[in-house]
Amino acid sequence: MDYLTLHDELLKKAQSGYWGYTSSELECHHIIPVSLGGRDTPSNWCYVPIRVHYLLHIILVKLGHIDQVFAVELIARRMRLRLPGWIRRLLNRRRQQLYREANRSRLSEC
């Protein structure tokens, strides 16, 4: 599956107001995530339904942006969804990695 094309098509629909929801039913999505160098400014935002927001972040994870797994988790909590097993495993691995890195740097300071 071509995840990049799917991601771009969803963003185009968001920018054109395709879903037609009121602003209270939409969530703000960073077109280029802040963690990937995007700015937190209105020119880098689009508004999407929560399910599309969830899907956009899953696509980013599939494209190799592993830290987006934390955004997937937060959105899933708001939706009261159980995360798929592959996302849960990836999330746990990433947390363990960050924990080991933090401890390694702390131990080297001693």
PDB file of N, CA and C in Angstrom:
ATOM      1  N   MET A   1       0.846  -1.186   0.000  1.00  0.00           N
ATOM      2  CA  MET A   1       0.000   0.000   0.000  1.00  0.00           C
ATOM      3  C   MET A   1       0.890   1.248   0.000  1.00  0.00           C
ATOM      4  N   ASP A   2       0.481   2.240  -0.746  1.00  0.00           N
ATOM      5  CA  ASP A   2       1.237   3.481  -0.830  1.00  0.00           C
ATOM      6  C   ASP A   2       0.736   4.445   0.251  1.00  0.00           C
ATOM      7  N   TYR A   3       1.361   4.366   1.423  1.00  0.00           N
ATOM      8  CA  TYR A   3       0.918   5.168   2.563  1.00  0.00           C
ATOM      9  C   TYR A   3       1.108   6.661   2.343  1.00  0.00           C
ATOM     10  N   LEU A   4       2.167   7.045   1.666  1.00  0.00           N
ATOM     11  CA  LEU A   4       2.426   8.462   1.433  1.00  0.00           C
ATOM     12  C   LEU A   4       1.322   9.089   0.576  1.00  0.00           C
ATOM     13  N   THR A   5       0.888   8.394  -0.460  1.00  0.00           N
ATOM     14  CA  THR A   5      -0.197   8.891  -1.310  1.00  0.00           C
ATOM     15  C   THR A   5      -1.490   8.997  -0.516  1.00  0.00           C
ATOM     16  N   LEU A   6      -1.785   7.978   0.280  1.00  0.00           N
ATOM     17  CA  LEU A   6      -2.988   7.996   1.110  1.00  0.00           C
ATOM     18  C   LEU A   6      -2.952   9.174   2.077  1.00  0.00           C
ATOM     19  N   HIS A   7      -1.807   9.385   2.724  1.00  0.00           N
ATOM     20  CA  HIS A   7      -1.642  10.493   3.663  1.00  0.00           C
ATOM     21  C   HIS A   7      -1.885  11.827   2.952  1.00  0.00           C
ATOM     22  N   ASP A   8      -1.274  11.993   1.795  1.00  0.00           N
ATOM     23  CA  ASP A   8      -1.419  13.246   1.044  1.00  0.00           C
ATOM     24  C   ASP A   8      -2.856  13.483   0.594  1.00  0.00           C
ATOM     25  N   GLU A   9      -3.544  12.422   0.178  1.00  0.00           N
ATOM     26  CA  GLU A   9      -4.944  12.560  -0.244  1.00  0.00           C
ATOM     27  C   GLU A   9      -5.836  12.971   0.921  1.00  0.00           C
ATOM     28  N   LEU A  10      -5.611  12.383   2.095  1.00  0.00           N
ATOM     29  CA  LEU A  10      -6.390  12.765   3.270  1.00  0.00           C
ATOM     30  C   LEU A  10      -6.135  14.224   3.648  1.00  0.00           C
ATOM     31  N   LEU A  11      -4.882  14.665   3.558  1.00  0.00           N
ATOM     32  CA  LEU A  11      -4.566  16.063   3.864  1.00  0.00           C
ATOM     33  C   LEU A  11      -5.224  17.017   2.869  1.00  0.00           C
ATOM     34  N   LYS A  12      -5.233  16.665   1.578  1.00  0.00           N
ATOM     35  CA  LYS A  12      -5.883  17.507   0.571  1.00  0.00           C
ATOM     36  C   LYS A  12      -7.377  17.644   0.866  1.00  0.00           C
ATOM     37  N   LYS A  13      -7.998  16.529   1.234  1.00  0.00           N
ATOM     38  CA  LYS A  13      -9.423  16.570   1.579  1.00  0.00           C
ATOM     39  C   LYS A  13      -9.654  17.456   2.796  1.00  0.00           C
ATOM     40  N   ALA A  14      -8.762  17.375   3.775  1.00  0.00           N
ATOM     41  CA  ALA A  14      -8.896  18.194   4.981  1.00  0.00           C
ATOM     42  C   ALA A  14      -8.769  19.675   4.649  1.00  0.00           C
ATOM     43  N   GLN A  15      -7.804  20.017   3.810  1.00  0.00           N
ATOM     44  CA  GLN A  15      -7.567  21.416   3.476  1.00  0.00           C
ATOM     45  C   GLN A  15      -8.689  21.995   2.616  1.00  0.00           C
ATOM     46  N   SER A  16      -9.402  21.143   1.901  1.00  0.00           N
ATOM     47  CA  SER A  16     -10.502  21.641   1.069  1.00  0.00           C
ATOM     48  C   SER A  16     -11.836  21.647   1.809  1.00  0.00           C
ATOM     49  N   GLY A  17     -11.842  21.210   3.082  1.00  0.00           N
ATOM     50  CA  GLY A  17     -13.086  21.165   3.853  1.00  0.00           C
ATOM     51  C   GLY A  17     -14.000  20.029   3.431  1.00  0.00           C
ATOM     52  N   TYR A  18     -13.434  18.971   2.920  1.00  0.00           N
ATOM     53  CA  TYR A  18     -14.159  17.834   2.364  1.00  0.00           C
ATOM     54  C   TYR A  18     -15.200  17.252   3.313  1.00  0.00           C
ATOM     55  N   TRP A  19     -14.887  17.150   4.598  1.00  0.00           N
ATOM     56  CA  TRP A  19     -15.783  16.444   5.512  1.00  0.00           C
ATOM     57  C   TRP A  19     -16.997  17.267   5.915  1.00  0.00           C
ATOM     58  N   GLY A  20     -16.927  18.565   5.848  1.00  0.00           N
ATOM     59  CA  GLY A  20     -18.075  19.407   6.103  1.00  0.00           C
ATOM     60  C   GLY A  20     -18.592  19.417   7.536  1.00  0.00           C
ATOM     61  N   TYR A  21     -17.748  19.082   8.484  1.00  0.00           N
ATOM     62  CA  TYR A  21     -18.140  19.132   9.883  1.00  0.00           C
ATOM     63  C   TYR A  21     -18.032  20.565  10.397  1.00  0.00           C
ATOM     64  N   THR A  22     -18.676  20.831  11.531  1.00  0.00           N
ATOM     65  CA  THR A  22     -18.471  22.124  12.173  1.00  0.00           C
ATOM     66  C   THR A  22     -17.137  22.069  12.899  1.00  0.00           C
ATOM     67  N   SER A  23     -16.583  23.209  13.199  1.00  0.00           N
ATOM     68  CA  SER A  23     -15.250  23.247  13.811  1.00  0.00           C
ATOM     69  C   SER A  23     -15.205  22.538  15.162  1.00  0.00           C
ATOM     70  N   SER A  24     -16.327  22.464  15.876  1.00  0.00           N
ATOM     71  CA  SER A  24     -16.320  21.789  17.177  1.00  0.00           C
ATOM     72  C   SER A  24     -16.216  20.276  17.035  1.00  0.00           C
ATOM     73  N   GLU A  25     -16.455  19.752  15.832  1.00  0.00           N
ATOM     74  CA  GLU A  25     -16.384  18.305  15.602  1.00  0.00           C
ATOM     75  C   GLU A  25     -15.057  17.878  14.995  1.00  0.00           C
ATOM     76  N   LEU A  26     -14.152  18.817  14.806  1.00  0.00           N
ATOM     77  CA  LEU A  26     -12.885  18.533  14.147  1.00  0.00           C
ATOM     78  C   LEU A  26     -11.709  18.710  15.103  1.00  0.00           C
ATOM     79  N   GLU A  27     -10.610  18.055  14.779  1.00  0.00           N
ATOM     80  CA  GLU A  27      -9.382  18.193  15.556  1.00  0.00           C
ATOM     81  C   GLU A  27      -8.314  18.827  14.685  1.00  0.00           C
ATOM     82  N   CYS A  28      -7.416  19.520  15.334  1.00  0.00           N
ATOM     83  CA  CYS A  28      -6.309  20.172  14.636  1.00  0.00           C
ATOM     84  C   CYS A  28      -5.188  19.151  14.424  1.00  0.00           C
ATOM     85  N   HIS A  29      -4.759  19.012  13.187  1.00  0.00           N
ATOM     86  CA  HIS A  29      -3.658  18.109  12.845  1.00  0.00           C
ATOM     87  C   HIS A  29      -2.530  18.933  12.243  1.00  0.00           C
ATOM     88  N   HIS A  30      -1.319  18.711  12.718  1.00  0.00           N
ATOM     89  CA  HIS A  30      -0.167  19.380  12.120  1.00  0.00           C
ATOM     90  C   HIS A  30       0.179  18.684  10.809  1.00  0.00           C
ATOM     91  N   ILE A  31       0.204  19.430   9.722  1.00  0.00           N
ATOM     92  CA  ILE A  31       0.520  18.856   8.418  1.00  0.00           C
ATOM     93  C   ILE A  31       1.920  18.243   8.462  1.00  0.00           C
ATOM     94  N   ILE A  32       2.875  19.003   8.957  1.00  0.00           N
ATOM     95  CA  ILE A  32       4.214  18.477   9.238  1.00  0.00           C
ATOM     96  C   ILE A  32       4.330  18.467  10.763  1.00  0.00           C
ATOM     97  N   PRO A  33       4.349  17.289  11.383  1.00  0.00           N
ATOM     98  CA  PRO A  33       4.392  17.222  12.842  1.00  0.00           C
ATOM     99  C   PRO A  33       5.551  18.036  13.426  1.00  0.00           C
ATOM    100  N   VAL A  34       5.308  18.629  14.574  1.00  0.00           N
ATOM    101  CA  VAL A  34       6.323  19.439  15.248  1.00  0.00           C
ATOM    102  C   VAL A  34       7.564  18.595  15.527  1.00  0.00           C
ATOM    103  N   SER A  35       7.361  17.316  15.861  1.00  0.00           N
ATOM    104  CA  SER A  35       8.501  16.436  16.141  1.00  0.00           C
ATOM    105  C   SER A  35       9.348  16.166  14.899  1.00  0.00           C
ATOM    106  N   LEU A  36       8.808  16.483  13.721  1.00  0.00           N
ATOM    107  CA  LEU A  36       9.551  16.282  12.475  1.00  0.00           C
ATOM    108  C   LEU A  36       9.994  17.613  11.862  1.00  0.00           C
ATOM    109  N   GLY A  37       9.954  18.667  12.681  1.00  0.00           N
ATOM    110  CA  GLY A  37      10.439  19.963  12.212  1.00  0.00           C
ATOM    111  C   GLY A  37       9.364  20.924  11.762  1.00  0.00           C
ATOM    112  N   GLY A  38       8.104  20.550  11.866  1.00  0.00           N
ATOM    113  CA  GLY A  38       7.012  21.450  11.489  1.00  0.00           C
ATOM    114  C   GLY A  38       6.800  22.525  12.540  1.00  0.00           C
ATOM    115  N   ARG A  39       6.184  23.598  12.121  1.00  0.00           N
ATOM    116  CA  ARG A  39       5.918  24.707  13.045  1.00  0.00           C
ATOM    117  C   ARG A  39       4.527  24.587  13.640  1.00  0.00           C
ATOM    118  N   ASP A  40       4.381  25.161  14.813  1.00  0.00           N
ATOM    119  CA  ASP A  40       3.078  25.188  15.471  1.00  0.00           C
ATOM    120  C   ASP A  40       2.390  26.505  15.116  1.00  0.00           C
ATOM    121  N   THR A  41       2.054  26.655  13.838  1.00  0.00           N
ATOM    122  CA  THR A  41       1.410  27.864  13.334  1.00  0.00           C
ATOM    123  C   THR A  41       0.205  27.465  12.481  1.00  0.00           C
ATOM    124  N   PRO A  42      -0.764  28.363  12.330  1.00  0.00           N
ATOM    125  CA  PRO A  42      -1.958  28.030  11.550  1.00  0.00           C
ATOM    126  C   PRO A  42      -1.674  27.571  10.118  1.00  0.00           C
ATOM    127  N   SER A  43      -0.580  28.028   9.523  1.00  0.00           N
ATOM    128  CA  SER A  43      -0.276  27.596   8.157  1.00  0.00           C
ATOM    129  C   SER A  43       0.124  26.111   8.096  1.00  0.00           C
ATOM    130  N   ASN A  44       0.443  25.521   9.246  1.00  0.00           N
ATOM    131  CA  ASN A  44       0.831  24.107   9.307  1.00  0.00           C
ATOM    132  C   ASN A  44      -0.279  23.249   9.923  1.00  0.00           C
ATOM    133  N   TRP A  45      -1.481  23.784  10.027  1.00  0.00           N
ATOM    134  CA  TRP A  45      -2.600  23.060  10.610  1.00  0.00           C
ATOM    135  C   TRP A  45      -3.643  22.745   9.559  1.00  0.00           C
ATOM    136  N   CYS A  46      -4.333  21.643   9.762  1.00  0.00           N
ATOM    137  CA  CYS A  46      -5.567  21.367   9.030  1.00  0.00           C
ATOM    138  C   CYS A  46      -6.517  20.720  10.037  1.00  0.00           C
ATOM    139  N   TYR A  47      -7.790  20.764   9.745  1.00  0.00           N
ATOM    140  CA  TYR A  47      -8.789  20.259  10.685  1.00  0.00           C
ATOM    141  C   TYR A  47      -9.452  19.021  10.105  1.00  0.00           C
ATOM    142  N   VAL A  48      -9.446  17.962  10.904  1.00  0.00           N
ATOM    143  CA  VAL A  48      -9.947  16.661  10.451  1.00  0.00           C
ATOM    144  C   VAL A  48     -10.813  16.025  11.533  1.00  0.00           C
ATOM    145  N   PRO A  49     -11.731  15.132  11.131  1.00  0.00           N
ATOM    146  CA  PRO A  49     -12.477  14.352  12.133  1.00  0.00           C
ATOM    147  C   PRO A  49     -11.499  13.476  12.928  1.00  0.00           C
ATOM    148  N   ILE A  50     -11.859  13.125  14.139  1.00  0.00           N
ATOM    149  CA  ILE A  50     -10.946  12.390  15.028  1.00  0.00           C
ATOM    150  C   ILE A  50     -10.504  11.061  14.410  1.00  0.00           C
ATOM    151  N   ARG A  51     -11.384  10.363  13.703  1.00  0.00           N
ATOM    152  CA  ARG A  51     -10.999   9.082  13.098  1.00  0.00           C
ATOM    153  C   ARG A  51      -9.943   9.269  12.008  1.00  0.00           C
ATOM    154  N   VAL A  52     -10.070  10.352  11.269  1.00  0.00           N
ATOM    155  CA  VAL A  52      -9.072  10.644  10.235  1.00  0.00           C
ATOM    156  C   VAL A  52      -7.756  11.051  10.894  1.00  0.00           C
ATOM    157  N   HIS A  53      -7.842  11.789  12.001  1.00  0.00           N
ATOM    158  CA  HIS A  53      -6.646  12.193  12.742  1.00  0.00           C
ATOM    159  C   HIS A  53      -5.878  10.955  13.204  1.00  0.00           C
ATOM    160  N   TYR A  54      -6.614   9.998  13.751  1.00  0.00           N
ATOM    161  CA  TYR A  54      -6.043   8.727  14.194  1.00  0.00           C
ATOM    162  C   TYR A  54      -5.360   8.012  13.021  1.00  0.00           C
ATOM    163  N   LEU A  55      -6.061   7.937  11.895  1.00  0.00           N
ATOM    164  CA  LEU A  55      -5.527   7.273  10.708  1.00  0.00           C
ATOM    165  C   LEU A  55      -4.273   7.974  10.182  1.00  0.00           C
ATOM    166  N   LEU A  56      -4.269   9.313  10.155  1.00  0.00           N
ATOM    167  CA  LEU A  56      -3.104  10.055   9.678  1.00  0.00           C
ATOM    168  C   LEU A  56      -1.862   9.733  10.508  1.00  0.00           C
ATOM    169  N   HIS A  57      -2.031   9.629  11.833  1.00  0.00           N
ATOM    170  CA  HIS A  57      -0.875   9.324  12.680  1.00  0.00           C
ATOM    171  C   HIS A  57      -0.441   7.859  12.541  1.00  0.00           C
ATOM    172  N   ILE A  58      -1.374   6.960  12.321  1.00  0.00           N
ATOM    173  CA  ILE A  58      -0.995   5.566  12.066  1.00  0.00           C
ATOM    174  C   ILE A  58      -0.190   5.486  10.774  1.00  0.00           C
ATOM    175  N   ILE A  59      -0.620   6.235   9.767  1.00  0.00           N
ATOM    176  CA  ILE A  59       0.115   6.251   8.494  1.00  0.00           C
ATOM    177  C   ILE A  59       1.523   6.785   8.708  1.00  0.00           C
ATOM    178  N   LEU A  60       1.664   7.832   9.535  1.00  0.00           N
ATOM    179  CA  LEU A  60       3.000   8.365   9.819  1.00  0.00           C
ATOM    180  C   LEU A  60       3.883   7.316  10.487  1.00  0.00           C
ATOM    181  N   VAL A  61       3.305   6.524  11.385  1.00  0.00           N
ATOM    182  CA  VAL A  61       4.067   5.435  12.019  1.00  0.00           C
ATOM    183  C   VAL A  61       4.480   4.424  10.959  1.00  0.00           C
ATOM    184  N   LYS A  62       3.555   4.064  10.076  1.00  0.00           N
ATOM    185  CA  LYS A  62       3.857   3.104   9.002  1.00  0.00           C
ATOM    186  C   LYS A  62       4.955   3.629   8.078  1.00  0.00           C
ATOM    187  N   LEU A  63       5.030   4.960   7.931  1.00  0.00           N
ATOM    188  CA  LEU A  63       6.061   5.568   7.085  1.00  0.00           C
ATOM    189  C   LEU A  63       7.418   5.646   7.783  1.00  0.00           C
ATOM    190  N   GLY A  64       7.471   5.190   9.055  1.00  0.00           N
ATOM    191  CA  GLY A  64       8.742   5.119   9.753  1.00  0.00           C
ATOM    192  C   GLY A  64       8.973   6.186  10.806  1.00  0.00           C
ATOM    193  N   HIS A  65       7.986   7.033  11.029  1.00  0.00           N
ATOM    194  CA  HIS A  65       8.116   8.071  12.051  1.00  0.00           C
ATOM    195  C   HIS A  65       7.618   7.487  13.383  1.00  0.00           C
ATOM    196  N   ILE A  66       8.483   6.710  14.007  1.00  0.00           N
ATOM    197  CA  ILE A  66       8.123   5.879  15.158  1.00  0.00           C
ATOM    198  C   ILE A  66       7.578   6.697  16.335  1.00  0.00           C
ATOM    199  N   ASP A  67       8.112   7.883  16.566  1.00  0.00           N
ATOM    200  CA  ASP A  67       7.650   8.665  17.714  1.00  0.00           C
ATOM    201  C   ASP A  67       6.199   9.113  17.578  1.00  0.00           C
ATOM    202  N   GLN A  68       5.621   9.012  16.382  1.00  0.00           N
ATOM    203  CA  GLN A  68       4.210   9.351  16.206  1.00  0.00           C
ATOM    204  C   GLN A  68       3.303   8.339  16.906  1.00  0.00           C
ATOM    205  N   VAL A  69       3.888   7.233  17.358  1.00  0.00           N
ATOM    206  CA  VAL A  69       3.115   6.215  18.068  1.00  0.00           C
ATOM    207  C   VAL A  69       2.524   6.798  19.361  1.00  0.00           C
ATOM    208  N   PHE A  70       3.184   7.795  19.933  1.00  0.00           N
ATOM    209  CA  PHE A  70       2.659   8.433  21.139  1.00  0.00           C
ATOM    210  C   PHE A  70       1.403   9.243  20.816  1.00  0.00           C
ATOM    211  N   ALA A  71       1.369   9.898  19.657  1.00  0.00           N
ATOM    212  CA  ALA A  71       0.180  10.631  19.226  1.00  0.00           C
ATOM    213  C   ALA A  71      -0.968   9.657  18.958  1.00  0.00           C
ATOM    214  N   VAL A  72      -0.657   8.515  18.353  1.00  0.00           N
ATOM    215  CA  VAL A  72      -1.680   7.490  18.099  1.00  0.00           C
ATOM    216  C   VAL A  72      -2.312   7.064  19.422  1.00  0.00           C
ATOM    217  N   GLU A  73      -1.473   6.851  20.432  1.00  0.00           N
ATOM    218  CA  GLU A  73      -1.980   6.431  21.737  1.00  0.00           C
ATOM    219  C   GLU A  73      -2.914   7.480  22.331  1.00  0.00           C
ATOM    220  N   LEU A  74      -2.519   8.752  22.274  1.00  0.00           N
ATOM    221  CA  LEU A  74      -3.352   9.818  22.844  1.00  0.00           C
ATOM    222  C   LEU A  74      -4.694   9.940  22.130  1.00  0.00           C
ATOM    223  N   ILE A  75      -4.675   9.862  20.820  1.00  0.00           N
ATOM    224  CA  ILE A  75      -5.921   9.967  20.058  1.00  0.00           C
ATOM    225  C   ILE A  75      -6.819   8.758  20.340  1.00  0.00           C
ATOM    226  N   ALA A  76      -6.224   7.578  20.423  1.00  0.00           N
ATOM    227  CA  ALA A  76      -6.996   6.359  20.722  1.00  0.00           C
ATOM    228  C   ALA A  76      -7.660   6.466  22.092  1.00  0.00           C
ATOM    229  N   ARG A  77      -6.973   7.054  23.050  1.00  0.00           N
ATOM    230  CA  ARG A  77      -7.583   7.243  24.381  1.00  0.00           C
ATOM    231  C   ARG A  77      -8.799   8.152  24.297  1.00  0.00           C
ATOM    232  N   ARG A  78      -8.681   9.242  23.520  1.00  0.00           N
ATOM    233  CA  ARG A  78      -9.825  10.146  23.385  1.00  0.00           C
ATOM    234  C   ARG A  78     -10.999   9.450  22.703  1.00  0.00           C
ATOM    235  N   MET A  79     -10.691   8.521  21.803  1.00  0.00           N
ATOM    236  CA  MET A  79     -11.731   7.781  21.092  1.00  0.00           C
ATOM    237  C   MET A  79     -12.221   6.563  21.884  1.00  0.00           C
ATOM    238  N   ARG A  80     -11.541   6.273  22.979  1.00  0.00           N
ATOM    239  CA  ARG A  80     -11.805   5.084  23.792  1.00  0.00           C
ATOM    240  C   ARG A  80     -11.650   3.806  22.982  1.00  0.00           C
ATOM    241  N   LEU A  81     -10.568   3.787  22.191  1.00  0.00           N
ATOM    242  CA  LEU A  81     -10.244   2.618  21.371  1.00  0.00           C
ATOM    243  C   LEU A  81      -9.132   1.809  22.010  1.00  0.00           C
ATOM    244  N   ARG A  82      -9.173   0.532  21.796  1.00  0.00           N
ATOM    245  CA  ARG A  82      -8.063  -0.335  22.188  1.00  0.00           C
ATOM    246  C   ARG A  82      -7.067  -0.309  21.032  1.00  0.00           C
ATOM    247  N   LEU A  83      -5.812  -0.072  21.359  1.00  0.00           N
ATOM    248  CA  LEU A  83      -4.776  -0.012  20.322  1.00  0.00           C
ATOM    249  C   LEU A  83      -4.551  -1.387  19.709  1.00  0.00           C
ATOM    250  N   PRO A  84      -4.306  -1.432  18.401  1.00  0.00           N
ATOM    251  CA  PRO A  84      -3.942  -2.717  17.779  1.00  0.00           C
ATOM    252  C   PRO A  84      -2.657  -3.254  18.407  1.00  0.00           C
ATOM    253  N   GLY A  85      -2.495  -4.566  18.400  1.00  0.00           N
ATOM    254  CA  GLY A  85      -1.337  -5.206  19.026  1.00  0.00           C
ATOM    255  C   GLY A  85      -0.010  -4.693  18.509  1.00  0.00           C
ATOM    256  N   TRP A  86       0.111  -4.484  17.192  1.00  0.00           N
ATOM    257  CA  TRP A  86       1.393  -4.031  16.635  1.00  0.00           C
ATOM    258  C   TRP A  86       1.745  -2.632  17.138  1.00  0.00           C
ATOM    259  N   ILE A  87       0.732  -1.786  17.357  1.00  0.00           N
ATOM    260  CA  ILE A  87       0.988  -0.439  17.892  1.00  0.00           C
ATOM    261  C   ILE A  87       1.397  -0.548  19.362  1.00  0.00           C
ATOM    262  N   ARG A  88       0.703  -1.395  20.134  1.00  0.00           N
ATOM    263  CA  ARG A  88       1.054  -1.568  21.558  1.00  0.00           C
ATOM    264  C   ARG A  88       2.485  -2.063  21.700  1.00  0.00           C
ATOM    265  N   ARG A  89       2.875  -3.034  20.870  1.00  0.00           N
ATOM    266  CA  ARG A  89       4.246  -3.561  20.941  1.00  0.00           C
ATOM    267  C   ARG A  89       5.267  -2.493  20.558  1.00  0.00           C
ATOM    268  N   LEU A  90       4.982  -1.734  19.538  1.00  0.00           N
ATOM    269  CA  LEU A  90       5.876  -0.661  19.115  1.00  0.00           C
ATOM    270  C   LEU A  90       5.989   0.418  20.189  1.00  0.00           C
ATOM    271  N   LEU A  91       4.870   0.740  20.806  1.00  0.00           N
ATOM    272  CA  LEU A  91       4.840   1.731  21.880  1.00  0.00           C
ATOM    273  C   LEU A  91       5.687   1.274  23.063  1.00  0.00           C
ATOM    274  N   ASN A  92       5.543   0.023  23.448  1.00  0.00           N
ATOM    275  CA  ASN A  92       6.332  -0.511  24.562  1.00  0.00           C
ATOM    276  C   ASN A  92       7.826  -0.532  24.239  1.00  0.00           C
ATOM    277  N   ARG A  93       8.153  -0.946  23.003  1.00  0.00           N
ATOM    278  CA  ARG A  93       9.571  -0.948  22.601  1.00  0.00           C
ATOM    279  C   ARG A  93      10.152   0.456  22.625  1.00  0.00           C
ATOM    280  N   ARG A  94       9.390   1.429  22.135  1.00  0.00           N
ATOM    281  CA  ARG A  94       9.893   2.809  22.093  1.00  0.00           C
ATOM    282  C   ARG A  94      10.051   3.360  23.510  1.00  0.00           C
ATOM    283  N   ARG A  95       9.123   3.051  24.397  1.00  0.00           N
ATOM    284  CA  ARG A  95       9.244   3.494  25.797  1.00  0.00           C
ATOM    285  C   ARG A  95      10.475   2.875  26.460  1.00  0.00           C
ATOM    286  N   GLN A  96      10.702   1.588  26.221  1.00  0.00           N
ATOM    287  CA  GLN A  96      11.880   0.922  26.786  1.00  0.00           C
ATOM    288  C   GLN A  96      13.163   1.548  26.258  1.00  0.00           C
ATOM    289  N   GLN A  97      13.184   1.857  24.964  1.00  0.00           N
ATOM    290  CA  GLN A  97      14.349   2.503  24.357  1.00  0.00           C
ATOM    291  C   GLN A  97      14.642   3.839  25.023  1.00  0.00           C
ATOM    292  N   LEU A  98      13.604   4.655  25.167  1.00  0.00           N
ATOM    293  CA  LEU A  98      13.772   5.976  25.779  1.00  0.00           C
ATOM    294  C   LEU A  98      14.222   5.855  27.235  1.00  0.00           C
ATOM    295  N   TYR A  99      13.681   4.860  27.947  1.00  0.00           N
ATOM    296  CA  TYR A  99      14.063   4.634  29.335  1.00  0.00           C
ATOM    297  C   TYR A  99      15.533   4.247  29.433  1.00  0.00           C
ATOM    298  N   ARG A 100      15.974   3.319  28.555  1.00  0.00           N
ATOM    299  CA  ARG A 100      17.380   2.908  28.562  1.00  0.00           C
ATOM    300  C   ARG A 100      18.307   4.077  28.222  1.00  0.00           C
ATOM    301  N   GLU A 101      17.926   4.875  27.234  1.00  0.00           N
ATOM    302  CA  GLU A 101      18.744   6.035  26.863  1.00  0.00           C
ATOM    303  C   GLU A 101      18.851   7.032  28.007  1.00  0.00           C
ATOM    304  N   ALA A 102      17.748   7.263  28.709  1.00  0.00           N
ATOM    305  CA  ALA A 102      17.759   8.198  29.832  1.00  0.00           C
ATOM    306  C   ALA A 102      18.653   7.670  30.954  1.00  0.00           C
ATOM    307  N   ASN A 103      18.572   6.379  31.231  1.00  0.00           N
ATOM    308  CA  ASN A 103      19.404   5.799  32.284  1.00  0.00           C
ATOM    309  C   ASN A 103      20.876   5.776  31.894  1.00  0.00           C
ATOM    310  N   ARG A 104      21.151   5.513  30.636  1.00  0.00           N
ATOM    311  CA  ARG A 104      22.534   5.505  30.159  1.00  0.00           C
ATOM    312  C   ARG A 104      23.163   6.879  30.341  1.00  0.00           C
ATOM    313  N   SER A 105      22.451   7.917  29.982  1.00  0.00           N
ATOM    314  CA  SER A 105      23.011   9.271  30.119  1.00  0.00           C
ATOM    315  C   SER A 105      23.149   9.654  31.590  1.00  0.00           C
ATOM    316  N   ARG A 106      22.224   9.191  32.436  1.00  0.00           N
ATOM    317  CA  ARG A 106      22.307   9.489  33.861  1.00  0.00           C
ATOM    318  C   ARG A 106      23.514   8.776  34.487  1.00  0.00           C
ATOM    319  N   LEU A 107      23.743   7.528  34.090  1.00  0.00           N
ATOM    320  CA  LEU A 107      24.866   6.771  34.634  1.00  0.00           C
ATOM    321  C   LEU A 107      26.203   7.344  34.176  1.00  0.00           C
ATOM    322  N   SER A 108      26.269   7.855  32.963  1.00  0.00           N
ATOM    323  CA  SER A 108      27.528   8.406  32.476  1.00  0.00           C
ATOM    324  C   SER A 108      27.869   9.726  33.158  1.00  0.00           C
ATOM    325  N   GLU A 109      26.859  10.397  33.751  1.00  0.00           N
ATOM    326  CA  GLU A 109      27.109  11.656  34.465  1.00  0.00           C
ATOM    327  C   GLU A 109      27.724  11.399  35.843  1.00  0.00           C
ATOM    328  N   CYS A 110      27.511  10.196  36.375  1.00  0.00           N
ATOM    329  CA  CYS A 110      27.983   9.884  37.741  1.00  0.00           C
ATOM    330  C   CYS A 110      29.481   9.682  37.786  1.00  0.00           C
TER     331      CYS A 110
END
